[in-house]
Amino acid sequence: AVLILAFIGMASILFFIVYALAFRKTPLMERLESFAPETKESYIEKPPSAFQKFLGGIGEKMPLGPEHHGRYTRLLIAAGMRKNSLPIFIGSKIVLAVVLAGAYYLLYGLPFEKDSMTMAILTLIFFILGFLLPSYWVGRKAKRRQLQIFYDLPDFLDLMTVCVEA
């Protein structure tokens, strides 16, 4: 039994070593795959979900000045989102602000907070925090996308030069 277990153990180790070496990608294949999209469905626009429709309905009712509209649109485009997702973004800001403030007020403020002024100030802070979090998230996503473009641009230009020269 010990010999059989030792044989199975050595065979499995040898199998994993051969598998790792035989199916290893070359650096060229890894570089080419880095340019390919993650999924083929990434370019197909999915229909909005019920929650997105709900957020869009709330966002469309929110009046925006032209300066805010342009700033949010530029931010969404820089993050790689579609321009028509602006109502969903505005709706998410409003819903998150109300949910965070309401959650604090109902779950902690009413049962545990003795001072009503402190409770009101903290509720307002959570409301403002909920309103600003989606903008922060989209801003970070835009910076991450710009950094990715910055690092991928030399490889792209190199491949374009090779294609043009060919």
Protein backbone atom coordinates (compact mmCIF):
# COMPACT_ATOMS: atom_id res chain seq x y z
CA ALA A 1 0.00 0.00 0.00
CA VAL A 2 2.89 2.35 0.77
CA LEU A 3 4.47 1.64 -2.61
CA ILE A 4 1.17 2.31 -4.39
CA LEU A 5 0.69 5.62 -2.55
CA ALA A 6 4.30 6.63 -3.27
CA PHE A 7 3.82 5.75 -6.95
CA ILE A 8 0.58 7.76 -7.16
CA GLY A 9 2.22 10.73 -5.42
CA MET A 10 5.28 10.72 -7.70
CA ALA A 11 3.11 10.25 -10.79
CA SER A 12 0.88 13.19 -9.84
CA ILE A 13 3.89 15.43 -9.15
CA LEU A 14 5.43 14.42 -12.49
CA PHE A 15 2.09 15.02 -14.23
CA PHE A 16 1.80 18.56 -12.81
CA ILE A 17 5.38 19.40 -13.79
CA VAL A 18 4.87 18.16 -17.36
CA TYR A 19 1.51 19.93 -17.56
CA ALA A 20 3.01 23.22 -16.35
CA LEU A 21 5.88 23.04 -18.84
CA ALA A 22 3.94 21.73 -21.83
CA PHE A 23 1.05 24.21 -21.67
CA ARG A 24 3.07 27.28 -20.74
CA LYS A 25 2.45 30.31 -22.94
CA THR A 26 5.26 31.94 -24.80
CA PRO A 27 5.96 35.62 -24.08
CA LEU A 28 4.61 36.48 -27.54
CA MET A 29 1.31 34.71 -26.84
CA GLU A 30 1.00 36.44 -23.46
CA ARG A 31 1.63 39.83 -25.08
CA LEU A 32 -0.93 39.20 -27.83
CA GLU A 33 -3.53 38.01 -25.31
CA SER A 34 -3.05 41.16 -23.26
CA PHE A 35 -4.39 43.18 -26.20
CA ALA A 36 -7.45 40.98 -26.66
CA PRO A 37 -10.64 41.93 -24.80
CA GLU A 38 -11.51 39.86 -21.76
CA THR A 39 -14.76 38.58 -23.23
CA LYS A 40 -16.31 38.79 -26.65
CA GLU A 41 -19.45 40.27 -25.11
CA SER A 42 -17.62 43.34 -23.81
CA TYR A 43 -18.57 45.40 -26.87
CA ILE A 44 -22.21 44.37 -26.86
CA GLU A 45 -24.39 46.76 -24.92
CA LYS A 46 -26.50 44.92 -22.40
CA PRO A 47 -30.03 46.09 -21.75
CA PRO A 48 -30.35 47.96 -18.45
CA SER A 49 -31.51 45.95 -15.46
CA ALA A 50 -34.56 46.88 -13.43
CA PHE A 51 -32.37 48.52 -10.77
CA GLN A 52 -30.55 50.55 -13.42
CA LYS A 53 -33.89 51.67 -14.83
CA PHE A 54 -34.93 52.68 -11.31
CA LEU A 55 -31.71 54.68 -10.82
CA GLY A 56 -32.07 56.24 -14.27
CA GLY A 57 -35.62 57.34 -13.48
CA ILE A 58 -34.44 59.05 -10.31
CA GLY A 59 -31.44 60.60 -12.07
CA GLU A 60 -33.54 62.03 -14.90
CA LYS A 61 -35.69 63.93 -12.40
CA MET A 62 -32.63 65.62 -10.88
CA PRO A 63 -32.03 69.03 -12.49
CA LEU A 64 -28.40 69.57 -13.51
CA GLY A 65 -26.74 72.73 -14.70
CA PRO A 66 -24.73 72.60 -17.93
CA GLU A 67 -21.42 72.82 -16.07
CA HIS A 68 -22.25 69.78 -13.88
CA HIS A 69 -23.69 67.89 -16.83
CA GLY A 70 -20.52 68.40 -18.86
CA ARG A 71 -18.20 67.58 -15.96
CA TYR A 72 -20.01 64.33 -15.09
CA THR A 73 -20.22 63.33 -18.76
CA ARG A 74 -16.46 63.84 -19.23
CA LEU A 75 -15.78 61.86 -16.05
CA LEU A 76 -17.95 58.95 -17.17
CA ILE A 77 -16.37 58.87 -20.63
CA ALA A 78 -12.86 58.96 -19.08
CA ALA A 79 -13.84 55.99 -16.92
CA GLY A 80 -14.92 54.04 -20.02
CA MET A 81 -18.66 54.30 -19.42
CA ARG A 82 -21.22 55.35 -21.95
CA LYS A 83 -22.42 58.91 -22.12
CA ASN A 84 -26.05 57.82 -21.75
CA SER A 85 -25.33 56.34 -18.30
CA LEU A 86 -25.38 59.82 -16.74
CA PRO A 87 -28.93 59.48 -15.31
CA ILE A 88 -27.99 56.15 -13.73
CA PHE A 89 -24.88 57.75 -12.20
CA ILE A 90 -26.86 60.70 -10.80
CA GLY A 91 -29.54 58.33 -9.50
CA SER A 92 -26.90 56.21 -7.76
CA LYS A 93 -25.53 59.33 -6.05
CA ILE A 94 -28.97 60.24 -4.72
CA VAL A 95 -29.94 56.70 -3.67
CA LEU A 96 -26.63 56.04 -1.93
CA ALA A 97 -26.84 59.35 -0.07
CA VAL A 98 -30.36 58.57 1.18
CA VAL A 99 -29.51 54.93 2.03
CA LEU A 100 -26.37 55.78 4.02
CA ALA A 101 -28.02 58.60 5.93
CA GLY A 102 -31.14 56.54 6.56
CA ALA A 103 -29.16 53.49 7.65
CA TYR A 104 -27.19 55.52 10.17
CA TYR A 105 -30.28 57.31 11.43
CA LEU A 106 -32.40 54.18 11.84
CA LEU A 107 -29.77 51.64 12.93
CA TYR A 108 -27.54 53.74 15.16
CA GLY A 109 -28.86 57.27 15.60
CA LEU A 110 -32.28 56.58 17.04
CA PRO A 111 -31.41 53.64 19.32
CA PHE A 112 -28.06 54.78 20.72
CA GLU A 113 -27.48 58.50 20.18
CA LYS A 114 -28.58 60.70 23.09
CA ASP A 115 -27.75 64.12 21.68
CA SER A 116 -30.07 65.13 18.83
CA MET A 117 -27.62 67.71 17.46
CA THR A 118 -24.87 65.09 17.10
CA MET A 119 -27.32 62.74 15.45
CA ALA A 120 -28.38 65.42 12.94
CA ILE A 121 -24.78 66.33 12.12
CA LEU A 122 -23.75 62.69 11.65
CA THR A 123 -26.82 62.04 9.48
CA LEU A 124 -25.84 65.00 7.31
CA ILE A 125 -22.24 63.75 7.12
CA PHE A 126 -23.42 60.31 5.98
CA PHE A 127 -25.71 61.96 3.40
CA ILE A 128 -22.82 63.98 1.97
CA LEU A 129 -20.53 60.95 2.05
CA GLY A 130 -23.11 58.88 0.16
CA PHE A 131 -23.47 61.63 -2.43
CA LEU A 132 -19.71 61.89 -2.99
CA LEU A 133 -18.78 58.18 -3.01
CA PRO A 134 -19.96 57.43 -6.59
CA SER A 135 -17.96 60.39 -7.93
CA TYR A 136 -14.88 59.17 -6.06
CA TRP A 137 -15.36 55.64 -7.43
CA VAL A 138 -15.77 56.82 -11.03
CA GLY A 139 -12.78 59.16 -10.66
CA ARG A 140 -10.58 56.30 -9.48
CA LYS A 141 -11.84 54.13 -12.33
CA ALA A 142 -10.98 56.92 -14.81
CA LYS A 143 -7.45 57.27 -13.39
CA ARG A 144 -6.95 53.50 -13.53
CA ARG A 145 -8.11 53.47 -17.17
CA GLN A 146 -5.82 56.37 -18.11
CA LEU A 147 -2.88 54.60 -16.48
CA GLN A 148 -3.70 51.42 -18.40
CA ILE A 149 -3.82 53.39 -21.66
CA PHE A 150 -0.51 55.06 -20.75
CA TYR A 151 1.18 51.68 -20.29
CA ASP A 152 -0.42 50.02 -23.33
CA LEU A 153 0.23 52.87 -25.77
CA PRO A 154 3.93 52.04 -26.53
CA ASP A 155 3.07 48.41 -27.33
CA PHE A 156 0.16 49.52 -29.49
CA LEU A 157 2.30 52.01 -31.38
CA ASP A 158 5.00 49.36 -31.85
CA LEU A 159 2.49 46.92 -33.33
CA MET A 160 1.01 49.64 -35.55
CA THR A 161 4.49 50.50 -36.85
CA VAL A 162 5.17 46.85 -37.65
CA CYS A 163 1.84 46.57 -39.45
CA VAL A 164 2.41 49.72 -41.49
CA GLU A 165 5.94 48.67 -42.42
CA ALA A 166 4.71 45.24 -43.51
